[in-house]
Amino acid sequence: MVNKIREQQQNVNDTCSDCGSFVDIGTVIDEHDTELTLVFNGENAKNDAQNIANKATERFEHVIIHMTDLENSIKLTMTFSVTVEKMLFQLENRC
């Protein structure tokens, strides 16, 4: 994912010296980037993952939640309907 962002940033054309950068949002945000995966560790991993999952389902009606028990952690995968929902969730919850 990071490589794709870096690749897309090469398409950014900063032509405004007075008001900051102008960017075509489509060069930075992929419309199909709707999946957010978080891994929780420690003795509270399951509760922490469930709390984040609850926040997502309270905020966004159609988010799909999938939790996987790993050896020493919990993997939480949330699939949002659209990219902007994922981005808003990340901004609101600092994920």
PDB file of N, CA and C in Angstrom:
ATOM      1  N   MET A   1       0.821  -1.185   0.000  1.00  0.00           N
ATOM      2  CA  MET A   1       0.000   0.000   0.000  1.00  0.00           C
ATOM      3  C   MET A   1       0.870   1.257   0.000  1.00  0.00           C
ATOM      4  N   VAL A   2       1.909   1.296   0.817  1.00  0.00           N
ATOM      5  CA  VAL A   2       2.772   2.467   0.897  1.00  0.00           C
ATOM      6  C   VAL A   2       3.430   2.739  -0.451  1.00  0.00           C
ATOM      7  N   ASN A   3       3.869   1.691  -1.127  1.00  0.00           N
ATOM      8  CA  ASN A   3       4.489   1.878  -2.438  1.00  0.00           C
ATOM      9  C   ASN A   3       3.508   2.462  -3.435  1.00  0.00           C
ATOM     10  N   LYS A   4       2.252   2.038  -3.358  1.00  0.00           N
ATOM     11  CA  LYS A   4       1.240   2.560  -4.274  1.00  0.00           C
ATOM     12  C   LYS A   4       1.004   4.045  -4.011  1.00  0.00           C
ATOM     13  N   ILE A   5       0.972   4.442  -2.743  1.00  0.00           N
ATOM     14  CA  ILE A   5       0.799   5.858  -2.409  1.00  0.00           C
ATOM     15  C   ILE A   5       1.964   6.669  -2.946  1.00  0.00           C
ATOM     16  N   ARG A   6       3.175   6.183  -2.734  1.00  0.00           N
ATOM     17  CA  ARG A   6       4.360   6.894  -3.235  1.00  0.00           C
ATOM     18  C   ARG A   6       4.323   7.015  -4.761  1.00  0.00           C
ATOM     19  N   GLU A   7       3.885   5.948  -5.411  1.00  0.00           N
ATOM     20  CA  GLU A   7       3.793   5.962  -6.865  1.00  0.00           C
ATOM     21  C   GLU A   7       2.768   7.003  -7.322  1.00  0.00           C
ATOM     22  N   GLN A   8       1.639   7.067  -6.636  1.00  0.00           N
ATOM     23  CA  GLN A   8       0.594   8.013  -6.993  1.00  0.00           C
ATOM     24  C   GLN A   8       1.006   9.450  -6.693  1.00  0.00           C
ATOM     25  N   GLN A   9       1.830   9.660  -5.694  1.00  0.00           N
ATOM     26  CA  GLN A   9       2.271  11.003  -5.350  1.00  0.00           C
ATOM     27  C   GLN A   9       3.125  11.619  -6.446  1.00  0.00           C
ATOM     28  N   GLN A  10       3.709  10.814  -7.296  1.00  0.00           N
ATOM     29  CA  GLN A  10       4.503  11.334  -8.405  1.00  0.00           C
ATOM     30  C   GLN A  10       3.615  12.067  -9.403  1.00  0.00           C
ATOM     31  N   ASN A  11       2.308  11.816  -9.364  1.00  0.00           N
ATOM     32  CA  ASN A  11       1.368  12.474 -10.265  1.00  0.00           C
ATOM     33  C   ASN A  11       0.882  13.813  -9.735  1.00  0.00           C
ATOM     34  N   VAL A  12       1.300  14.189  -8.536  1.00  0.00           N
ATOM     35  CA  VAL A  12       0.857  15.438  -7.929  1.00  0.00           C
ATOM     36  C   VAL A  12       1.596  16.597  -8.574  1.00  0.00           C
ATOM     37  N   ASN A  13       0.839  17.611  -8.964  1.00  0.00           N
ATOM     38  CA  ASN A  13       1.410  18.791  -9.592  1.00  0.00           C
ATOM     39  C   ASN A  13       1.122  19.992  -8.706  1.00  0.00           C
ATOM     40  N   ASP A  14       2.105  20.473  -7.984  1.00  0.00           N
ATOM     41  CA  ASP A  14       1.959  21.611  -7.079  1.00  0.00           C
ATOM     42  C   ASP A  14       2.250  22.882  -7.862  1.00  0.00           C
ATOM     43  N   THR A  15       1.191  23.582  -8.276  1.00  0.00           N
ATOM     44  CA  THR A  15       1.369  24.773  -9.104  1.00  0.00           C
ATOM     45  C   THR A  15       0.965  26.052  -8.400  1.00  0.00           C
ATOM     46  N   CYS A  16       0.487  25.974  -7.194  1.00  0.00           N
ATOM     47  CA  CYS A  16      -0.004  27.155  -6.493  1.00  0.00           C
ATOM     48  C   CYS A  16       1.014  27.595  -5.444  1.00  0.00           C
ATOM     49  N   SER A  17       1.674  28.708  -5.684  1.00  0.00           N
ATOM     50  CA  SER A  17       2.670  29.184  -4.720  1.00  0.00           C
ATOM     51  C   SER A  17       2.064  30.103  -3.669  1.00  0.00           C
ATOM     52  N   ASP A  18       0.831  30.562  -3.876  1.00  0.00           N
ATOM     53  CA  ASP A  18       0.191  31.479  -2.935  1.00  0.00           C
ATOM     54  C   ASP A  18      -0.632  30.770  -1.861  1.00  0.00           C
ATOM     55  N   CYS A  19      -1.314  29.726  -2.243  1.00  0.00           N
ATOM     56  CA  CYS A  19      -2.272  29.132  -1.312  1.00  0.00           C
ATOM     57  C   CYS A  19      -1.930  27.704  -0.904  1.00  0.00           C
ATOM     58  N   GLY A  20      -0.763  27.217  -1.209  1.00  0.00           N
ATOM     59  CA  GLY A  20      -0.405  25.857  -0.837  1.00  0.00           C
ATOM     60  C   GLY A  20      -0.526  24.921  -2.008  1.00  0.00           C
ATOM     61  N   SER A  21      -0.693  23.672  -1.727  1.00  0.00           N
ATOM     62  CA  SER A  21      -0.692  22.659  -2.770  1.00  0.00           C
ATOM     63  C   SER A  21      -2.083  22.395  -3.307  1.00  0.00           C
ATOM     64  N   PHE A  22      -2.153  22.229  -4.598  1.00  0.00           N
ATOM     65  CA  PHE A  22      -3.350  21.752  -5.261  1.00  0.00           C
ATOM     66  C   PHE A  22      -3.067  20.318  -5.669  1.00  0.00           C
ATOM     67  N   VAL A  23      -3.985  19.432  -5.372  1.00  0.00           N
ATOM     68  CA  VAL A  23      -3.759  18.036  -5.719  1.00  0.00           C
ATOM     69  C   VAL A  23      -5.059  17.434  -6.237  1.00  0.00           C
ATOM     70  N   ASP A  24      -4.950  16.608  -7.230  1.00  0.00           N
ATOM     71  CA  ASP A  24      -6.092  15.836  -7.694  1.00  0.00           C
ATOM     72  C   ASP A  24      -6.279  14.702  -6.707  1.00  0.00           C
ATOM     73  N   ILE A  25      -7.351  14.743  -5.948  1.00  0.00           N
ATOM     74  CA  ILE A  25      -7.545  13.796  -4.854  1.00  0.00           C
ATOM     75  C   ILE A  25      -7.492  12.348  -5.343  1.00  0.00           C
ATOM     76  N   GLY A  26      -7.846  12.129  -6.598  1.00  0.00           N
ATOM     77  CA  GLY A  26      -7.803  10.786  -7.148  1.00  0.00           C
ATOM     78  C   GLY A  26      -6.396  10.226  -7.305  1.00  0.00           C
ATOM     79  N   THR A  27      -5.386  11.095  -7.283  1.00  0.00           N
ATOM     80  CA  THR A  27      -4.019  10.603  -7.374  1.00  0.00           C
ATOM     81  C   THR A  27      -3.494  10.154  -6.022  1.00  0.00           C
ATOM     82  N   VAL A  28      -4.169  10.537  -4.942  1.00  0.00           N
ATOM     83  CA  VAL A  28      -3.731  10.197  -3.595  1.00  0.00           C
ATOM     84  C   VAL A  28      -4.607   9.122  -2.968  1.00  0.00           C
ATOM     85  N   ILE A  29      -5.889   9.146  -3.285  1.00  0.00           N
ATOM     86  CA  ILE A  29      -6.848   8.223  -2.673  1.00  0.00           C
ATOM     87  C   ILE A  29      -7.346   7.234  -3.720  1.00  0.00           C
ATOM     88  N   ASP A  30      -7.230   5.973  -3.400  1.00  0.00           N
ATOM     89  CA  ASP A  30      -7.731   4.918  -4.281  1.00  0.00           C
ATOM     90  C   ASP A  30      -9.169   4.606  -3.886  1.00  0.00           C
ATOM     91  N   GLU A  31     -10.102   4.714  -4.815  1.00  0.00           N
ATOM     92  CA  GLU A  31     -11.517   4.513  -4.507  1.00  0.00           C
ATOM     93  C   GLU A  31     -11.840   3.091  -4.023  1.00  0.00           C
ATOM     94  N   HIS A  32     -10.940   2.161  -4.251  1.00  0.00           N
ATOM     95  CA  HIS A  32     -11.176   0.777  -3.837  1.00  0.00           C
ATOM     96  C   HIS A  32     -10.480   0.429  -2.516  1.00  0.00           C
ATOM     97  N   ASP A  33      -9.882   1.424  -1.875  1.00  0.00           N
ATOM     98  CA  ASP A  33      -9.182   1.205  -0.603  1.00  0.00           C
ATOM     99  C   ASP A  33     -10.190   1.300   0.542  1.00  0.00           C
ATOM    100  N   THR A  34     -10.937   0.227   0.742  1.00  0.00           N
ATOM    101  CA  THR A  34     -12.017   0.229   1.730  1.00  0.00           C
ATOM    102  C   THR A  34     -11.738  -0.679   2.922  1.00  0.00           C
ATOM    103  N   GLU A  35     -10.626  -1.385   2.921  1.00  0.00           N
ATOM    104  CA  GLU A  35     -10.336  -2.354   3.980  1.00  0.00           C
ATOM    105  C   GLU A  35      -9.273  -1.817   4.939  1.00  0.00           C
ATOM    106  N   LEU A  36      -9.613  -1.871   6.216  1.00  0.00           N
ATOM    107  CA  LEU A  36      -8.691  -1.456   7.269  1.00  0.00           C
ATOM    108  C   LEU A  36      -8.402  -2.670   8.142  1.00  0.00           C
ATOM    109  N   THR A  37      -7.119  -3.005   8.301  1.00  0.00           N
ATOM    110  CA  THR A  37      -6.710  -4.142   9.118  1.00  0.00           C
ATOM    111  C   THR A  37      -5.865  -3.632  10.274  1.00  0.00           C
ATOM    112  N   LEU A  38      -6.256  -4.027  11.478  1.00  0.00           N
ATOM    113  CA  LEU A  38      -5.535  -3.659  12.693  1.00  0.00           C
ATOM    114  C   LEU A  38      -5.206  -4.927  13.462  1.00  0.00           C
ATOM    115  N   VAL A  39      -4.042  -4.955  14.108  1.00  0.00           N
ATOM    116  CA  VAL A  39      -3.644  -6.096  14.927  1.00  0.00           C
ATOM    117  C   VAL A  39      -3.489  -5.610  16.359  1.00  0.00           C
ATOM    118  N   PHE A  40      -4.123  -6.305  17.287  1.00  0.00           N
ATOM    119  CA  PHE A  40      -4.094  -5.970  18.705  1.00  0.00           C
ATOM    120  C   PHE A  40      -3.329  -7.040  19.461  1.00  0.00           C
ATOM    121  N   ASN A  41      -2.469  -6.596  20.359  1.00  0.00           N
ATOM    122  CA  ASN A  41      -1.652  -7.512  21.155  1.00  0.00           C
ATOM    123  C   ASN A  41      -1.926  -7.295  22.636  1.00  0.00           C
ATOM    124  N   GLY A  42      -1.517  -8.269  23.431  1.00  0.00           N
ATOM    125  CA  GLY A  42      -1.633  -8.136  24.877  1.00  0.00           C
ATOM    126  C   GLY A  42      -2.864  -8.810  25.432  1.00  0.00           C
ATOM    127  N   GLU A  43      -2.984  -8.759  26.738  1.00  0.00           N
ATOM    128  CA  GLU A  43      -4.082  -9.471  27.403  1.00  0.00           C
ATOM    129  C   GLU A  43      -5.448  -8.854  27.122  1.00  0.00           C
ATOM    130  N   ASN A  44      -5.484  -7.578  26.723  1.00  0.00           N
ATOM    131  CA  ASN A  44      -6.760  -6.913  26.414  1.00  0.00           C
ATOM    132  C   ASN A  44      -7.037  -6.852  24.915  1.00  0.00           C
ATOM    133  N   ALA A  45      -6.301  -7.618  24.136  1.00  0.00           N
ATOM    134  CA  ALA A  45      -6.403  -7.539  22.676  1.00  0.00           C
ATOM    135  C   ALA A  45      -7.827  -7.749  22.176  1.00  0.00           C
ATOM    136  N   LYS A  46      -8.495  -8.766  22.678  1.00  0.00           N
ATOM    137  CA  LYS A  46      -9.849  -9.062  22.201  1.00  0.00           C
ATOM    138  C   LYS A  46     -10.815  -7.933  22.547  1.00  0.00           C
ATOM    139  N   ASN A  47     -10.725  -7.399  23.763  1.00  0.00           N
ATOM    140  CA  ASN A  47     -11.593  -6.290  24.170  1.00  0.00           C
ATOM    141  C   ASN A  47     -11.296  -5.033  23.363  1.00  0.00           C
ATOM    142  N   ASP A  48     -10.009  -4.748  23.151  1.00  0.00           N
ATOM    143  CA  ASP A  48      -9.624  -3.574  22.375  1.00  0.00           C
ATOM    144  C   ASP A  48     -10.138  -3.669  20.940  1.00  0.00           C
ATOM    145  N   ALA A  49      -9.994  -4.833  20.343  1.00  0.00           N
ATOM    146  CA  ALA A  49     -10.481  -5.045  18.978  1.00  0.00           C
ATOM    147  C   ALA A  49     -11.995  -4.906  18.925  1.00  0.00           C
ATOM    148  N   GLN A  50     -12.678  -5.459  19.905  1.00  0.00           N
ATOM    149  CA  GLN A  50     -14.137  -5.377  19.935  1.00  0.00           C
ATOM    150  C   GLN A  50     -14.606  -3.936  20.112  1.00  0.00           C
ATOM    151  N   ASN A  51     -13.900  -3.159  20.921  1.00  0.00           N
ATOM    152  CA  ASN A  51     -14.254  -1.753  21.109  1.00  0.00           C
ATOM    153  C   ASN A  51     -14.144  -0.967  19.799  1.00  0.00           C
ATOM    154  N   ILE A  52     -13.068  -1.199  19.061  1.00  0.00           N
ATOM    155  CA  ILE A  52     -12.895  -0.526  17.766  1.00  0.00           C
ATOM    156  C   ILE A  52     -13.969  -0.989  16.783  1.00  0.00           C
ATOM    157  N   ALA A  53     -14.261  -2.281  16.781  1.00  0.00           N
ATOM    158  CA  ALA A  53     -15.306  -2.814  15.898  1.00  0.00           C
ATOM    159  C   ALA A  53     -16.660  -2.191  16.231  1.00  0.00           C
ATOM    160  N   ASN A  54     -16.950  -2.041  17.513  1.00  0.00           N
ATOM    161  CA  ASN A  54     -18.214  -1.421  17.933  1.00  0.00           C
ATOM    162  C   ASN A  54     -18.303   0.026  17.460  1.00  0.00           C
ATOM    163  N   LYS A  55     -17.208   0.758  17.576  1.00  0.00           N
ATOM    164  CA  LYS A  55     -17.195   2.150  17.100  1.00  0.00           C
ATOM    165  C   LYS A  55     -17.491   2.214  15.609  1.00  0.00           C
ATOM    166  N   ALA A  56     -16.911   1.302  14.859  1.00  0.00           N
ATOM    167  CA  ALA A  56     -17.120   1.291  13.406  1.00  0.00           C
ATOM    168  C   ALA A  56     -18.575   0.993  13.064  1.00  0.00           C
ATOM    169  N   THR A  57     -19.155   0.001  13.722  1.00  0.00           N
ATOM    170  CA  THR A  57     -20.540  -0.362  13.401  1.00  0.00           C
ATOM    171  C   THR A  57     -21.537   0.685  13.888  1.00  0.00           C
ATOM    172  N   GLU A  58     -21.197   1.403  14.942  1.00  0.00           N
ATOM    173  CA  GLU A  58     -22.064   2.494  15.406  1.00  0.00           C
ATOM    174  C   GLU A  58     -22.025   3.673  14.437  1.00  0.00           C
ATOM    175  N   ARG A  59     -20.871   3.915  13.852  1.00  0.00           N
ATOM    176  CA  ARG A  59     -20.683   5.082  12.980  1.00  0.00           C
ATOM    177  C   ARG A  59     -21.117   4.816  11.549  1.00  0.00           C
ATOM    178  N   PHE A  60     -20.870   3.592  11.048  1.00  0.00           N
ATOM    179  CA  PHE A  60     -21.143   3.264   9.647  1.00  0.00           C
ATOM    180  C   PHE A  60     -22.011   2.017   9.564  1.00  0.00           C
ATOM    181  N   GLU A  61     -23.139   2.180   8.931  1.00  0.00           N
ATOM    182  CA  GLU A  61     -24.169   1.140   8.902  1.00  0.00           C
ATOM    183  C   GLU A  61     -23.745  -0.149   8.190  1.00  0.00           C
ATOM    184  N   HIS A  62     -22.956  -0.033   7.131  1.00  0.00           N
ATOM    185  CA  HIS A  62     -22.675  -1.204   6.293  1.00  0.00           C
ATOM    186  C   HIS A  62     -21.255  -1.746   6.412  1.00  0.00           C
ATOM    187  N   VAL A  63     -20.559  -1.402   7.469  1.00  0.00           N
ATOM    188  CA  VAL A  63     -19.193  -1.903   7.639  1.00  0.00           C
ATOM    189  C   VAL A  63     -19.239  -3.397   7.958  1.00  0.00           C
ATOM    190  N   ILE A  64     -18.330  -4.151   7.374  1.00  0.00           N
ATOM    191  CA  ILE A  64     -18.239  -5.596   7.612  1.00  0.00           C
ATOM    192  C   ILE A  64     -17.044  -5.840   8.525  1.00  0.00           C
ATOM    193  N   ILE A  65     -17.293  -6.533   9.620  1.00  0.00           N
ATOM    194  CA  ILE A  65     -16.275  -6.785  10.641  1.00  0.00           C
ATOM    195  C   ILE A  65     -15.867  -8.255  10.596  1.00  0.00           C
ATOM    196  N   HIS A  66     -14.554  -8.485  10.635  1.00  0.00           N
ATOM    197  CA  HIS A  66     -14.034  -9.858  10.707  1.00  0.00           C
ATOM    198  C   HIS A  66     -12.865  -9.879  11.690  1.00  0.00           C
ATOM    199  N   MET A  67     -12.981 -10.725  12.720  1.00  0.00           N
ATOM    200  CA  MET A  67     -11.903 -10.864  13.698  1.00  0.00           C
ATOM    201  C   MET A  67     -11.298 -12.251  13.592  1.00  0.00           C
ATOM    202  N   THR A  68      -9.966 -12.285  13.636  1.00  0.00           N
ATOM    203  CA  THR A  68      -9.245 -13.543  13.562  1.00  0.00           C
ATOM    204  C   THR A  68      -8.355 -13.666  14.792  1.00  0.00           C
ATOM    205  N   ASP A  69      -8.473 -14.789  15.493  1.00  0.00           N
ATOM    206  CA  ASP A  69      -7.578 -15.066  16.612  1.00  0.00           C
ATOM    207  C   ASP A  69      -6.269 -15.596  16.058  1.00  0.00           C
ATOM    208  N   LEU A  70      -5.200 -14.858  16.308  1.00  0.00           N
ATOM    209  CA  LEU A  70      -3.870 -15.305  15.930  1.00  0.00           C
ATOM    210  C   LEU A  70      -3.210 -15.894  17.174  1.00  0.00           C
ATOM    211  N   GLU A  71      -2.007 -16.342  17.058  1.00  0.00           N
ATOM    212  CA  GLU A  71      -1.339 -17.011  18.173  1.00  0.00           C
ATOM    213  C   GLU A  71      -1.305 -16.151  19.436  1.00  0.00           C
ATOM    214  N   ASN A  72      -0.836 -14.926  19.323  1.00  0.00           N
ATOM    215  CA  ASN A  72      -0.739 -14.044  20.488  1.00  0.00           C
ATOM    216  C   ASN A  72      -1.395 -12.693  20.256  1.00  0.00           C
ATOM    217  N   SER A  73      -2.334 -12.637  19.319  1.00  0.00           N
ATOM    218  CA  SER A  73      -2.954 -11.361  19.003  1.00  0.00           C
ATOM    219  C   SER A  73      -4.311 -11.566  18.327  1.00  0.00           C
ATOM    220  N   ILE A  74      -4.993 -10.452  18.112  1.00  0.00           N
ATOM    221  CA  ILE A  74      -6.273 -10.455  17.408  1.00  0.00           C
ATOM    222  C   ILE A  74      -6.126  -9.577  16.178  1.00  0.00           C
ATOM    223  N   LYS A  75      -6.505 -10.111  15.046  1.00  0.00           N
ATOM    224  CA  LYS A  75      -6.488  -9.348  13.799  1.00  0.00           C
ATOM    225  C   LYS A  75      -7.921  -8.921  13.496  1.00  0.00           C
ATOM    226  N   LEU A  76      -8.121  -7.618  13.401  1.00  0.00           N
ATOM    227  CA  LEU A  76      -9.432  -7.052  13.106  1.00  0.00           C
ATOM    228  C   LEU A  76      -9.396  -6.486  11.693  1.00  0.00           C
ATOM    229  N   THR A  77     -10.291  -6.954  10.853  1.00  0.00           N
ATOM    230  CA  THR A  77     -10.405  -6.441   9.494  1.00  0.00           C
ATOM    231  C   THR A  77     -11.788  -5.833   9.344  1.00  0.00           C
ATOM    232  N   MET A  78     -11.802  -4.568   8.922  1.00  0.00           N
ATOM    233  CA  MET A  78     -13.065  -3.865   8.711  1.00  0.00           C
ATOM    234  C   MET A  78     -13.126  -3.438   7.255  1.00  0.00           C
ATOM    235  N   THR A  79     -14.213  -3.790   6.596  1.00  0.00           N
ATOM    236  CA  THR A  79     -14.409  -3.412   5.204  1.00  0.00           C
ATOM    237  C   THR A  79     -15.553  -2.408   5.148  1.00  0.00           C
ATOM    238  N   PHE A  80     -15.216  -1.207   4.715  1.00  0.00           N
ATOM    239  CA  PHE A  80     -16.176  -0.120   4.648  1.00  0.00           C
ATOM    240  C   PHE A  80     -16.810  -0.073   3.265  1.00  0.00           C
ATOM    241  N   SER A  81     -17.964   0.570   3.157  1.00  0.00           N
ATOM    242  CA  SER A  81     -18.673   0.655   1.871  1.00  0.00           C
ATOM    243  C   SER A  81     -17.908   1.467   0.852  1.00  0.00           C
ATOM    244  N   VAL A  82     -17.303   2.561   1.305  1.00  0.00           N
ATOM    245  CA  VAL A  82     -16.549   3.440   0.419  1.00  0.00           C
ATOM    246  C   VAL A  82     -15.288   3.914   1.132  1.00  0.00           C
ATOM    247  N   THR A  83     -14.321   4.355   0.373  1.00  0.00           N
ATOM    248  CA  THR A  83     -13.036   4.782   0.913  1.00  0.00           C
ATOM    249  C   THR A  83     -13.174   5.908   1.924  1.00  0.00           C
ATOM    250  N   VAL A  84     -14.065   6.852   1.665  1.00  0.00           N
ATOM    251  CA  VAL A  84     -14.193   7.998   2.566  1.00  0.00           C
ATOM    252  C   VAL A  84     -14.627   7.561   3.964  1.00  0.00           C
ATOM    253  N   GLU A  85     -15.437   6.511   4.075  1.00  0.00           N
ATOM    254  CA  GLU A  85     -15.817   6.005   5.400  1.00  0.00           C
ATOM    255  C   GLU A  85     -14.590   5.500   6.142  1.00  0.00           C
ATOM    256  N   LYS A  86     -13.753   4.756   5.450  1.00  0.00           N
ATOM    257  CA  LYS A  86     -12.518   4.261   6.067  1.00  0.00           C
ATOM    258  C   LYS A  86     -11.649   5.416   6.534  1.00  0.00           C
ATOM    259  N   MET A  87     -11.489   6.409   5.679  1.00  0.00           N
ATOM    260  CA  MET A  87     -10.652   7.559   6.024  1.00  0.00           C
ATOM    261  C   MET A  87     -11.211   8.326   7.215  1.00  0.00           C
ATOM    262  N   LEU A  88     -12.512   8.551   7.231  1.00  0.00           N
ATOM    263  CA  LEU A  88     -13.139   9.252   8.359  1.00  0.00           C
ATOM    264  C   LEU A  88     -12.947   8.469   9.648  1.00  0.00           C
ATOM    265  N   PHE A  89     -13.133   7.170   9.571  1.00  0.00           N
ATOM    266  CA  PHE A  89     -12.962   6.338  10.755  1.00  0.00           C
ATOM    267  C   PHE A  89     -11.528   6.427  11.275  1.00  0.00           C
ATOM    268  N   GLN A  90     -10.565   6.360  10.373  1.00  0.00           N
ATOM    269  CA  GLN A  90      -9.171   6.453  10.764  1.00  0.00           C
ATOM    270  C   GLN A  90      -8.861   7.810  11.404  1.00  0.00           C
ATOM    271  N   LEU A  91      -9.384   8.875  10.835  1.00  0.00           N
ATOM    272  CA  LEU A  91      -9.152  10.210  11.386  1.00  0.00           C
ATOM    273  C   LEU A  91      -9.807  10.380  12.760  1.00  0.00           C
ATOM    274  N   GLU A  92     -11.031   9.897  12.881  1.00  0.00           N
ATOM    275  CA  GLU A  92     -11.763  10.040  14.132  1.00  0.00           C
ATOM    276  C   GLU A  92     -11.183   9.195  15.250  1.00  0.00           C
ATOM    277  N   ASN A  93     -10.568   8.069  14.906  1.00  0.00           N
ATOM    278  CA  ASN A  93     -10.092   7.132  15.921  1.00  0.00           C
ATOM    279  C   ASN A  93      -8.581   6.988  15.937  1.00  0.00           C
ATOM    280  N   ARG A  94      -7.887   7.761  15.132  1.00  0.00           N
ATOM    281  CA  ARG A  94      -6.416   7.757  15.080  1.00  0.00           C
ATOM    282  C   ARG A  94      -5.843   6.361  14.855  1.00  0.00           C
ATOM    283  N   CYS A  95      -6.422   5.648  13.895  1.00  0.00           N
ATOM    284  CA  CYS A  95      -5.951   4.292  13.556  1.00  0.00           C
ATOM    285  C   CYS A  95      -4.985   4.356  12.402  1.00  0.00           C
TER     286      CYS A  95
END
